[in-house]
Amino acid sequence: MSLNYVITHLCYILFGWMFKNKGSTDWSAYQRALDTGYLVHATKYFKSRGRKKVGFSVRFTPKGLTKISQMLADHSEEMAGRVSHAKITHKRPRSRHASGGLFH
């Protein structure tokens, strides 16, 4: 799994910056992500079955990558805080032996 794949899906799932139209393989950026400068649309030219086509792809800006790293850092600190405050208990596994334990 590539880093680009992970970041793209984070932007789609967590941040709501991107979407795919039904039946399309290309990502599109929501206007708010373009307006804030987190993403840009880059024009791409390609040939398909001998025909020239124009499409676009979504690119992350340095500002967008900075925002992603800040959000992930904040989230990891929040999760670390939850783990440190959680009460951790350790229960001994039940013995499968009739004598009540392995070392009796």
PDB file of N, CA and C in Angstrom:
ATOM      1  N   MET A   1       0.849  -1.166   0.000  1.00  0.00           N
ATOM      2  CA  MET A   1       0.000   0.000   0.000  1.00  0.00           C
ATOM      3  C   MET A   1       0.901   1.238   0.000  1.00  0.00           C
ATOM      4  N   SER A   2       0.683   2.111  -0.952  1.00  0.00           N
ATOM      5  CA  SER A   2       1.541   3.285  -1.084  1.00  0.00           C
ATOM      6  C   SER A   2       1.082   4.405  -0.153  1.00  0.00           C
ATOM      7  N   LEU A   3       2.001   5.315   0.138  1.00  0.00           N
ATOM      8  CA  LEU A   3       1.694   6.472   0.971  1.00  0.00           C
ATOM      9  C   LEU A   3       0.633   7.338   0.302  1.00  0.00           C
ATOM     10  N   ASN A   4       0.719   7.487  -1.020  1.00  0.00           N
ATOM     11  CA  ASN A   4      -0.269   8.277  -1.749  1.00  0.00           C
ATOM     12  C   ASN A   4      -1.667   7.684  -1.583  1.00  0.00           C
ATOM     13  N   TYR A   5      -1.762   6.365  -1.629  1.00  0.00           N
ATOM     14  CA  TYR A   5      -3.045   5.679  -1.440  1.00  0.00           C
ATOM     15  C   TYR A   5      -3.612   5.979  -0.052  1.00  0.00           C
ATOM     16  N   VAL A   6      -2.767   5.895   0.955  1.00  0.00           N
ATOM     17  CA  VAL A   6      -3.203   6.134   2.335  1.00  0.00           C
ATOM     18  C   VAL A   6      -3.676   7.569   2.507  1.00  0.00           C
ATOM     19  N   ILE A   7      -2.890   8.526   2.027  1.00  0.00           N
ATOM     20  CA  ILE A   7      -3.257   9.936   2.166  1.00  0.00           C
ATOM     21  C   ILE A   7      -4.542  10.236   1.409  1.00  0.00           C
ATOM     22  N   THR A   8      -4.670   9.699   0.200  1.00  0.00           N
ATOM     23  CA  THR A   8      -5.880   9.926  -0.593  1.00  0.00           C
ATOM     24  C   THR A   8      -7.114   9.423   0.145  1.00  0.00           C
ATOM     25  N   HIS A   9      -7.041   8.234   0.702  1.00  0.00           N
ATOM     26  CA  HIS A   9      -8.204   7.685   1.396  1.00  0.00           C
ATOM     27  C   HIS A   9      -8.468   8.386   2.725  1.00  0.00           C
ATOM     28  N   LEU A  10      -7.431   8.898   3.382  1.00  0.00           N
ATOM     29  CA  LEU A  10      -7.644   9.719   4.572  1.00  0.00           C
ATOM     30  C   LEU A  10      -8.421  10.976   4.210  1.00  0.00           C
ATOM     31  N   CYS A  11      -8.033  11.595   3.105  1.00  0.00           N
ATOM     32  CA  CYS A  11      -8.721  12.815   2.668  1.00  0.00           C
ATOM     33  C   CYS A  11     -10.166  12.529   2.313  1.00  0.00           C
ATOM     34  N   TYR A  12     -10.421  11.374   1.778  1.00  0.00           N
ATOM     35  CA  TYR A  12     -11.787  10.999   1.401  1.00  0.00           C
ATOM     36  C   TYR A  12     -12.616  10.655   2.635  1.00  0.00           C
ATOM     37  N   ILE A  13     -12.099   9.789   3.460  1.00  0.00           N
ATOM     38  CA  ILE A  13     -12.877   9.258   4.571  1.00  0.00           C
ATOM     39  C   ILE A  13     -12.932  10.215   5.761  1.00  0.00           C
ATOM     40  N   LEU A  14     -11.778  10.682   6.212  1.00  0.00           N
ATOM     41  CA  LEU A  14     -11.738  11.472   7.432  1.00  0.00           C
ATOM     42  C   LEU A  14     -12.000  12.954   7.229  1.00  0.00           C
ATOM     43  N   PHE A  15     -11.425  13.511   6.187  1.00  0.00           N
ATOM     44  CA  PHE A  15     -11.450  14.960   6.054  1.00  0.00           C
ATOM     45  C   PHE A  15     -12.540  15.464   5.124  1.00  0.00           C
ATOM     46  N   GLY A  16     -13.090  14.613   4.282  1.00  0.00           N
ATOM     47  CA  GLY A  16     -14.138  15.029   3.361  1.00  0.00           C
ATOM     48  C   GLY A  16     -13.666  16.022   2.315  1.00  0.00           C
ATOM     49  N   TRP A  17     -12.434  15.884   1.858  1.00  0.00           N
ATOM     50  CA  TRP A  17     -11.881  16.807   0.869  1.00  0.00           C
ATOM     51  C   TRP A  17     -12.113  16.318  -0.551  1.00  0.00           C
ATOM     52  N   MET A  18     -12.330  15.028  -0.735  1.00  0.00           N
ATOM     53  CA  MET A  18     -12.364  14.438  -2.073  1.00  0.00           C
ATOM     54  C   MET A  18     -13.548  13.493  -2.220  1.00  0.00           C
ATOM     55  N   PHE A  19     -13.885  13.211  -3.475  1.00  0.00           N
ATOM     56  CA  PHE A  19     -14.952  12.269  -3.773  1.00  0.00           C
ATOM     57  C   PHE A  19     -14.719  11.677  -5.151  1.00  0.00           C
ATOM     58  N   LYS A  20     -15.424  10.589  -5.429  1.00  0.00           N
ATOM     59  CA  LYS A  20     -15.429   9.977  -6.760  1.00  0.00           C
ATOM     60  C   LYS A  20     -16.856   9.991  -7.272  1.00  0.00           C
ATOM     61  N   ASN A  21     -17.029  10.393  -8.518  1.00  0.00           N
ATOM     62  CA  ASN A  21     -18.347  10.304  -9.135  1.00  0.00           C
ATOM     63  C   ASN A  21     -18.656   8.846  -9.431  1.00  0.00           C
ATOM     64  N   LYS A  22     -19.918   8.502  -9.413  1.00  0.00           N
ATOM     65  CA  LYS A  22     -20.324   7.124  -9.670  1.00  0.00           C
ATOM     66  C   LYS A  22     -19.846   6.699 -11.055  1.00  0.00           C
ATOM     67  N   GLY A  23     -19.168   5.576 -11.112  1.00  0.00           N
ATOM     68  CA  GLY A  23     -18.667   5.046 -12.371  1.00  0.00           C
ATOM     69  C   GLY A  23     -17.337   5.623 -12.809  1.00  0.00           C
ATOM     70  N   SER A  24     -16.775   6.529 -12.032  1.00  0.00           N
ATOM     71  CA  SER A  24     -15.505   7.156 -12.391  1.00  0.00           C
ATOM     72  C   SER A  24     -14.369   6.553 -11.571  1.00  0.00           C
ATOM     73  N   THR A  25     -13.188   6.569 -12.153  1.00  0.00           N
ATOM     74  CA  THR A  25     -12.008   6.112 -11.417  1.00  0.00           C
ATOM     75  C   THR A  25     -11.190   7.285 -10.906  1.00  0.00           C
ATOM     76  N   ASP A  26     -11.550   8.494 -11.337  1.00  0.00           N
ATOM     77  CA  ASP A  26     -10.791   9.686 -10.951  1.00  0.00           C
ATOM     78  C   ASP A  26     -11.384  10.337  -9.706  1.00  0.00           C
ATOM     79  N   TRP A  27     -10.495  10.866  -8.875  1.00  0.00           N
ATOM     80  CA  TRP A  27     -10.902  11.617  -7.703  1.00  0.00           C
ATOM     81  C   TRP A  27     -11.183  13.054  -8.110  1.00  0.00           C
ATOM     82  N   SER A  28     -12.104  13.691  -7.406  1.00  0.00           N
ATOM     83  CA  SER A  28     -12.391  15.110  -7.570  1.00  0.00           C
ATOM     84  C   SER A  28     -12.313  15.757  -6.198  1.00  0.00           C
ATOM     85  N   ALA A  29     -11.928  17.018  -6.180  1.00  0.00           N
ATOM     86  CA  ALA A  29     -11.831  17.747  -4.915  1.00  0.00           C
ATOM     87  C   ALA A  29     -13.101  18.548  -4.687  1.00  0.00           C
ATOM     88  N   TYR A  30     -13.563  18.568  -3.448  1.00  0.00           N
ATOM     89  CA  TYR A  30     -14.669  19.450  -3.102  1.00  0.00           C
ATOM     90  C   TYR A  30     -14.180  20.890  -3.174  1.00  0.00           C
ATOM     91  N   GLN A  31     -15.093  21.793  -3.490  1.00  0.00           N
ATOM     92  CA  GLN A  31     -14.728  23.185  -3.683  1.00  0.00           C
ATOM     93  C   GLN A  31     -14.100  23.794  -2.432  1.00  0.00           C
ATOM     94  N   ARG A  32     -14.570  23.409  -1.251  1.00  0.00           N
ATOM     95  CA  ARG A  32     -14.012  23.988  -0.019  1.00  0.00           C
ATOM     96  C   ARG A  32     -12.538  23.623   0.151  1.00  0.00           C
ATOM     97  N   ALA A  33     -12.141  22.432  -0.308  1.00  0.00           N
ATOM     98  CA  ALA A  33     -10.730  22.037  -0.223  1.00  0.00           C
ATOM     99  C   ALA A  33      -9.894  22.816  -1.230  1.00  0.00           C
ATOM    100  N   LEU A  34     -10.485  23.128  -2.380  1.00  0.00           N
ATOM    101  CA  LEU A  34      -9.789  23.958  -3.372  1.00  0.00           C
ATOM    102  C   LEU A  34      -9.674  25.395  -2.872  1.00  0.00           C
ATOM    103  N   ASP A  35     -10.762  25.915  -2.287  1.00  0.00           N
ATOM    104  CA  ASP A  35     -10.777  27.303  -1.802  1.00  0.00           C
ATOM    105  C   ASP A  35      -9.793  27.530  -0.659  1.00  0.00           C
ATOM    106  N   THR A  36      -9.626  26.534   0.201  1.00  0.00           N
ATOM    107  CA  THR A  36      -8.697  26.676   1.322  1.00  0.00           C
ATOM    108  C   THR A  36      -7.248  26.475   0.893  1.00  0.00           C
ATOM    109  N   GLY A  37      -7.045  25.968  -0.307  1.00  0.00           N
ATOM    110  CA  GLY A  37      -5.690  25.776  -0.810  1.00  0.00           C
ATOM    111  C   GLY A  37      -5.058  24.460  -0.414  1.00  0.00           C
ATOM    112  N   TYR A  38      -5.863  23.519   0.089  1.00  0.00           N
ATOM    113  CA  TYR A  38      -5.328  22.219   0.480  1.00  0.00           C
ATOM    114  C   TYR A  38      -5.109  21.308  -0.725  1.00  0.00           C
ATOM    115  N   LEU A  39      -5.944  21.456  -1.751  1.00  0.00           N
ATOM    116  CA  LEU A  39      -5.869  20.635  -2.956  1.00  0.00           C
ATOM    117  C   LEU A  39      -5.963  21.519  -4.192  1.00  0.00           C
ATOM    118  N   VAL A  40      -5.459  21.002  -5.312  1.00  0.00           N
ATOM    119  CA  VAL A  40      -5.623  21.660  -6.613  1.00  0.00           C
ATOM    120  C   VAL A  40      -5.986  20.588  -7.634  1.00  0.00           C
ATOM    121  N   HIS A  41      -6.637  21.009  -8.702  1.00  0.00           N
ATOM    122  CA  HIS A  41      -6.895  20.115  -9.828  1.00  0.00           C
ATOM    123  C   HIS A  41      -5.801  20.333 -10.853  1.00  0.00           C
ATOM    124  N   ALA A  42      -5.149  19.272 -11.265  1.00  0.00           N
ATOM    125  CA  ALA A  42      -4.114  19.341 -12.297  1.00  0.00           C
ATOM    126  C   ALA A  42      -4.677  18.729 -13.576  1.00  0.00           C
ATOM    127  N   THR A  43      -4.493  19.422 -14.687  1.00  0.00           N
ATOM    128  CA  THR A  43      -4.987  18.929 -15.972  1.00  0.00           C
ATOM    129  C   THR A  43      -4.042  17.864 -16.500  1.00  0.00           C
ATOM    130  N   LYS A  44      -4.619  16.798 -17.030  1.00  0.00           N
ATOM    131  CA  LYS A  44      -3.794  15.749 -17.628  1.00  0.00           C
ATOM    132  C   LYS A  44      -4.328  15.451 -19.022  1.00  0.00           C
ATOM    133  N   TYR A  45      -3.417  15.151 -19.905  1.00  0.00           N
ATOM    134  CA  TYR A  45      -3.754  14.827 -21.292  1.00  0.00           C
ATOM    135  C   TYR A  45      -3.312  13.396 -21.556  1.00  0.00           C
ATOM    136  N   PHE A  46      -4.145  12.632 -22.211  1.00  0.00           N
ATOM    137  CA  PHE A  46      -3.789  11.247 -22.498  1.00  0.00           C
ATOM    138  C   PHE A  46      -4.534  10.773 -23.737  1.00  0.00           C
ATOM    139  N   LYS A  47      -4.087   9.660 -24.262  1.00  0.00           N
ATOM    140  CA  LYS A  47      -4.736   9.057 -25.428  1.00  0.00           C
ATOM    141  C   LYS A  47      -5.454   7.793 -24.986  1.00  0.00           C
ATOM    142  N   SER A  48      -6.644   7.628 -25.505  1.00  0.00           N
ATOM    143  CA  SER A  48      -7.421   6.431 -25.228  1.00  0.00           C
ATOM    144  C   SER A  48      -7.969   5.919 -26.548  1.00  0.00           C
ATOM    145  N   ARG A  49      -7.464   4.772 -26.965  1.00  0.00           N
ATOM    146  CA  ARG A  49      -7.878   4.165 -28.239  1.00  0.00           C
ATOM    147  C   ARG A  49      -7.673   5.127 -29.408  1.00  0.00           C
ATOM    148  N   GLY A  50      -6.539   5.791 -29.388  1.00  0.00           N
ATOM    149  CA  GLY A  50      -6.198   6.681 -30.489  1.00  0.00           C
ATOM    150  C   GLY A  50      -6.807   8.066 -30.404  1.00  0.00           C
ATOM    151  N   ARG A  51      -7.642   8.317 -29.423  1.00  0.00           N
ATOM    152  CA  ARG A  51      -8.262   9.628 -29.281  1.00  0.00           C
ATOM    153  C   ARG A  51      -7.591  10.391 -28.144  1.00  0.00           C
ATOM    154  N   LYS A  52      -7.404  11.679 -28.364  1.00  0.00           N
ATOM    155  CA  LYS A  52      -6.845  12.519 -27.308  1.00  0.00           C
ATOM    156  C   LYS A  52      -7.952  12.891 -26.333  1.00  0.00           C
ATOM    157  N   LYS A  53      -7.632  12.794 -25.064  1.00  0.00           N
ATOM    158  CA  LYS A  53      -8.606  13.127 -24.026  1.00  0.00           C
ATOM    159  C   LYS A  53      -7.965  14.057 -23.008  1.00  0.00           C
ATOM    160  N   VAL A  54      -8.808  14.825 -22.372  1.00  0.00           N
ATOM    161  CA  VAL A  54      -8.366  15.723 -21.308  1.00  0.00           C
ATOM    162  C   VAL A  54      -9.100  15.315 -20.037  1.00  0.00           C
ATOM    163  N   GLY A  55      -8.375  15.241 -18.966  1.00  0.00           N
ATOM    164  CA  GLY A  55      -8.961  14.934 -17.665  1.00  0.00           C
ATOM    165  C   GLY A  55      -8.248  15.752 -16.609  1.00  0.00           C
ATOM    166  N   PHE A  56      -8.549  15.486 -15.392  1.00  0.00           N
ATOM    167  CA  PHE A  56      -7.826  16.164 -14.322  1.00  0.00           C
ATOM    168  C   PHE A  56      -7.613  15.198 -13.173  1.00  0.00           C
ATOM    169  N   SER A  57      -6.643  15.522 -12.372  1.00  0.00           N
ATOM    170  CA  SER A  57      -6.376  14.729 -11.183  1.00  0.00           C
ATOM    171  C   SER A  57      -6.214  15.687 -10.014  1.00  0.00           C
ATOM    172  N   VAL A  58      -6.382  15.167  -8.845  1.00  0.00           N
ATOM    173  CA  VAL A  58      -6.269  15.973  -7.631  1.00  0.00           C
ATOM    174  C   VAL A  58      -4.837  15.884  -7.129  1.00  0.00           C
ATOM    175  N   ARG A  59      -4.289  17.031  -6.780  1.00  0.00           N
ATOM    176  CA  ARG A  59      -2.931  17.091  -6.229  1.00  0.00           C
ATOM    177  C   ARG A  59      -2.974  17.790  -4.874  1.00  0.00           C
ATOM    178  N   PHE A  60      -2.136  17.321  -3.973  1.00  0.00           N
ATOM    179  CA  PHE A  60      -2.019  17.941  -2.661  1.00  0.00           C
ATOM    180  C   PHE A  60      -1.054  19.111  -2.742  1.00  0.00           C
ATOM    181  N   THR A  61      -1.392  20.195  -2.083  1.00  0.00           N
ATOM    182  CA  THR A  61      -0.483  21.336  -2.007  1.00  0.00           C
ATOM    183  C   THR A  61       0.359  21.182  -0.741  1.00  0.00           C
ATOM    184  N   PRO A  62       1.463  21.918  -0.635  1.00  0.00           N
ATOM    185  CA  PRO A  62       2.230  21.885   0.613  1.00  0.00           C
ATOM    186  C   PRO A  62       1.362  22.270   1.824  1.00  0.00           C
ATOM    187  N   LYS A  63       0.471  23.222   1.631  1.00  0.00           N
ATOM    188  CA  LYS A  63      -0.438  23.626   2.709  1.00  0.00           C
ATOM    189  C   LYS A  63      -1.341  22.455   3.110  1.00  0.00           C
ATOM    190  N   GLY A  64      -1.812  21.697   2.129  1.00  0.00           N
ATOM    191  CA  GLY A  64      -2.665  20.544   2.409  1.00  0.00           C
ATOM    192  C   GLY A  64      -1.926  19.443   3.142  1.00  0.00           C
ATOM    193  N   LEU A  65      -0.691  19.183   2.734  1.00  0.00           N
ATOM    194  CA  LEU A  65       0.110  18.156   3.416  1.00  0.00           C
ATOM    195  C   LEU A  65       0.422  18.572   4.853  1.00  0.00           C
ATOM    196  N   THR A  66       0.667  19.869   5.057  1.00  0.00           N
ATOM    197  CA  THR A  66       0.905  20.376   6.410  1.00  0.00           C
ATOM    198  C   THR A  66      -0.336  20.179   7.272  1.00  0.00           C
ATOM    199  N   LYS A  67      -1.496  20.491   6.720  1.00  0.00           N
ATOM    200  CA  LYS A  67      -2.757  20.333   7.453  1.00  0.00           C
ATOM    201  C   LYS A  67      -3.000  18.868   7.805  1.00  0.00           C
ATOM    202  N   ILE A  68      -2.734  17.973   6.869  1.00  0.00           N
ATOM    203  CA  ILE A  68      -2.904  16.541   7.131  1.00  0.00           C
ATOM    204  C   ILE A  68      -1.985  16.097   8.265  1.00  0.00           C
ATOM    205  N   SER A  69      -0.725  16.521   8.225  1.00  0.00           N
ATOM    206  CA  SER A  69       0.217  16.107   9.273  1.00  0.00           C
ATOM    207  C   SER A  69      -0.203  16.657  10.633  1.00  0.00           C
ATOM    208  N   GLN A  70      -0.718  17.897  10.667  1.00  0.00           N
ATOM    209  CA  GLN A  70      -1.193  18.470  11.933  1.00  0.00           C
ATOM    210  C   GLN A  70      -2.390  17.693  12.472  1.00  0.00           C
ATOM    211  N   MET A  71      -3.319  17.367  11.586  1.00  0.00           N
ATOM    212  CA  MET A  71      -4.513  16.636  12.014  1.00  0.00           C
ATOM    213  C   MET A  71      -4.159  15.241  12.519  1.00  0.00           C
ATOM    214  N   LEU A  72      -3.231  14.581  11.847  1.00  0.00           N
ATOM    215  CA  LEU A  72      -2.814  13.249  12.289  1.00  0.00           C
ATOM    216  C   LEU A  72      -2.065  13.319  13.612  1.00  0.00           C
ATOM    217  N   ALA A  73      -1.235  14.345  13.784  1.00  0.00           N
ATOM    218  CA  ALA A  73      -0.505  14.510  15.041  1.00  0.00           C
ATOM    219  C   ALA A  73      -1.479  14.769  16.187  1.00  0.00           C
ATOM    220  N   ASP A  74      -2.464  15.629  15.960  1.00  0.00           N
ATOM    221  CA  ASP A  74      -3.468  15.907  16.988  1.00  0.00           C
ATOM    222  C   ASP A  74      -4.246  14.649  17.337  1.00  0.00           C
ATOM    223  N   HIS A  75      -4.595  13.876  16.321  1.00  0.00           N
ATOM    224  CA  HIS A  75      -5.355  12.646  16.540  1.00  0.00           C
ATOM    225  C   HIS A  75      -4.521  11.624  17.310  1.00  0.00           C
ATOM    226  N   SER A  76      -3.236  11.506  16.983  1.00  0.00           N
ATOM    227  CA  SER A  76      -2.401  10.523  17.678  1.00  0.00           C
ATOM    228  C   SER A  76      -2.188  10.931  19.132  1.00  0.00           C
ATOM    229  N   GLU A  77      -2.068  12.245  19.405  1.00  0.00           N
ATOM    230  CA  GLU A  77      -1.938  12.705  20.790  1.00  0.00           C
ATOM    231  C   GLU A  77      -3.216  12.419  21.568  1.00  0.00           C
ATOM    232  N   GLU A  78      -4.357  12.631  20.917  1.00  0.00           N
ATOM    233  CA  GLU A  78      -5.645  12.363  21.550  1.00  0.00           C
ATOM    234  C   GLU A  78      -5.777  10.882  21.878  1.00  0.00           C
ATOM    235  N   MET A  79      -5.394  10.022  20.937  1.00  0.00           N
ATOM    236  CA  MET A  79      -5.483   8.585  21.166  1.00  0.00           C
ATOM    237  C   MET A  79      -4.509   8.144  22.250  1.00  0.00           C
ATOM    238  N   ALA A  80      -3.316   8.731  22.278  1.00  0.00           N
ATOM    239  CA  ALA A  80      -2.341   8.385  23.310  1.00  0.00           C
ATOM    240  C   ALA A  80      -2.877   8.772  24.682  1.00  0.00           C
ATOM    241  N   GLY A  81      -3.552   9.910  24.760  1.00  0.00           N
ATOM    242  CA  GLY A  81      -4.156  10.334  26.020  1.00  0.00           C
ATOM    243  C   GLY A  81      -5.240   9.382  26.478  1.00  0.00           C
ATOM    244  N   ARG A  82      -6.023   8.884  25.556  1.00  0.00           N
ATOM    245  CA  ARG A  82      -7.082   7.936  25.905  1.00  0.00           C
ATOM    246  C   ARG A  82      -6.498   6.638  26.431  1.00  0.00           C
ATOM    247  N   VAL A  83      -5.421   6.181  25.814  1.00  0.00           N
ATOM    248  CA  VAL A  83      -4.799   4.925  26.236  1.00  0.00           C
ATOM    249  C   VAL A  83      -4.171   5.085  27.611  1.00  0.00           C
ATOM    250  N   SER A  84      -3.514   6.222  27.878  1.00  0.00           N
ATOM    251  CA  SER A  84      -2.847   6.401  29.166  1.00  0.00           C
ATOM    252  C   SER A  84      -3.853   6.540  30.304  1.00  0.00           C
ATOM    253  N   HIS A  85      -5.053   7.031  30.013  1.00  0.00           N
ATOM    254  CA  HIS A  85      -6.064   7.184  31.051  1.00  0.00           C
ATOM    255  C   HIS A  85      -6.951   5.947  31.203  1.00  0.00           C
ATOM    256  N   ALA A  86      -6.828   5.036  30.296  1.00  0.00           N
ATOM    257  CA  ALA A  86      -7.655   3.828  30.362  1.00  0.00           C
ATOM    258  C   ALA A  86      -7.158   2.925  31.479  1.00  0.00           C
ATOM    259  N   LYS A  87      -8.081   2.297  32.148  1.00  0.00           N
ATOM    260  CA  LYS A  87      -7.713   1.357  33.203  1.00  0.00           C
ATOM    261  C   LYS A  87      -7.391   0.028  32.543  1.00  0.00           C
ATOM    262  N   ILE A  88      -6.179  -0.394  32.712  1.00  0.00           N
ATOM    263  CA  ILE A  88      -5.741  -1.641  32.099  1.00  0.00           C
ATOM    264  C   ILE A  88      -5.766  -2.730  33.165  1.00  0.00           C
ATOM    265  N   THR A  89      -6.505  -3.786  32.901  1.00  0.00           N
ATOM    266  CA  THR A  89      -6.574  -4.904  33.838  1.00  0.00           C
ATOM    267  C   THR A  89      -6.058  -6.150  33.147  1.00  0.00           C
ATOM    268  N   HIS A  90      -5.478  -6.991  33.924  1.00  0.00           N
ATOM    269  CA  HIS A  90      -4.966  -8.246  33.392  1.00  0.00           C
ATOM    270  C   HIS A  90      -5.638  -9.377  34.149  1.00  0.00           C
ATOM    271  N   LYS A  91      -6.337 -10.194  33.432  1.00  0.00           N
ATOM    272  CA  LYS A  91      -6.982 -11.348  34.050  1.00  0.00           C
ATOM    273  C   LYS A  91      -6.199 -12.596  33.689  1.00  0.00           C
ATOM    274  N   ARG A  92      -6.048 -13.456  34.686  1.00  0.00           N
ATOM    275  CA  ARG A  92      -5.380 -14.719  34.421  1.00  0.00           C
ATOM    276  C   ARG A  92      -6.292 -15.585  33.587  1.00  0.00           C
ATOM    277  N   PRO A  93      -5.748 -16.253  32.600  1.00  0.00           N
ATOM    278  CA  PRO A  93      -6.583 -17.146  31.795  1.00  0.00           C
ATOM    279  C   PRO A  93      -7.061 -18.325  32.626  1.00  0.00           C
ATOM    280  N   ARG A  94      -8.247 -18.776  32.338  1.00  0.00           N
ATOM    281  CA  ARG A  94      -8.782 -19.936  33.047  1.00  0.00           C
ATOM    282  C   ARG A  94      -8.026 -21.188  32.627  1.00  0.00           C
ATOM    283  N   SER A  95      -7.817 -22.032  33.595  1.00  0.00           N
ATOM    284  CA  SER A  95      -7.111 -23.273  33.335  1.00  0.00           C
ATOM    285  C   SER A  95      -8.045 -24.284  32.684  1.00  0.00           C
ATOM    286  N   ARG A  96      -7.489 -25.073  31.810  1.00  0.00           N
ATOM    287  CA  ARG A  96      -8.270 -26.123  31.156  1.00  0.00           C
ATOM    288  C   ARG A  96      -8.138 -27.457  31.892  1.00  0.00           C
ATOM    289  N   HIS A  97      -7.326 -27.460  32.933  1.00  0.00           N
ATOM    290  CA  HIS A  97      -7.073 -28.706  33.645  1.00  0.00           C
ATOM    291  C   HIS A  97      -8.013 -28.837  34.832  1.00  0.00           C
ATOM    292  N   ALA A  98      -8.371 -30.076  35.158  1.00  0.00           N
ATOM    293  CA  ALA A  98      -9.285 -30.358  36.273  1.00  0.00           C
ATOM    294  C   ALA A  98      -8.674 -29.984  37.609  1.00  0.00           C
ATOM    295  N   SER A  99      -7.351 -29.980  37.690  1.00  0.00           N
ATOM    296  CA  SER A  99      -6.702 -29.694  38.965  1.00  0.00           C
ATOM    297  C   SER A  99      -6.785 -28.223  39.335  1.00  0.00           C
ATOM    298  N   GLY A 100      -7.209 -27.381  38.407  1.00  0.00           N
ATOM    299  CA  GLY A 100      -7.355 -25.964  38.728  1.00  0.00           C
ATOM    300  C   GLY A 100      -6.194 -25.116  38.265  1.00  0.00           C
ATOM    301  N   GLY A 101      -5.145 -25.707  37.749  1.00  0.00           N
ATOM    302  CA  GLY A 101      -4.040 -24.893  37.275  1.00  0.00           C
ATOM    303  C   GLY A 101      -2.951 -25.735  36.667  1.00  0.00           C
ATOM    304  N   LEU A 102      -2.045 -25.082  36.018  1.00  0.00           N
ATOM    305  CA  LEU A 102      -0.935 -25.794  35.402  1.00  0.00           C
ATOM    306  C   LEU A 102       0.097 -26.199  36.432  1.00  0.00           C
ATOM    307  N   PHE A 103       0.315 -25.322  37.401  1.00  0.00           N
ATOM    308  CA  PHE A 103       1.360 -25.573  38.391  1.00  0.00           C
ATOM    309  C   PHE A 103       0.708 -25.765  39.752  1.00  0.00           C
ATOM    310  N   HIS A 104       0.259 -26.934  40.028  1.00  0.00           N
ATOM    311  CA  HIS A 104      -0.398 -27.234  41.291  1.00  0.00           C
ATOM    312  C   HIS A 104       0.411 -28.138  42.125  1.00  0.00           C
TER     313      HIS A 104
END
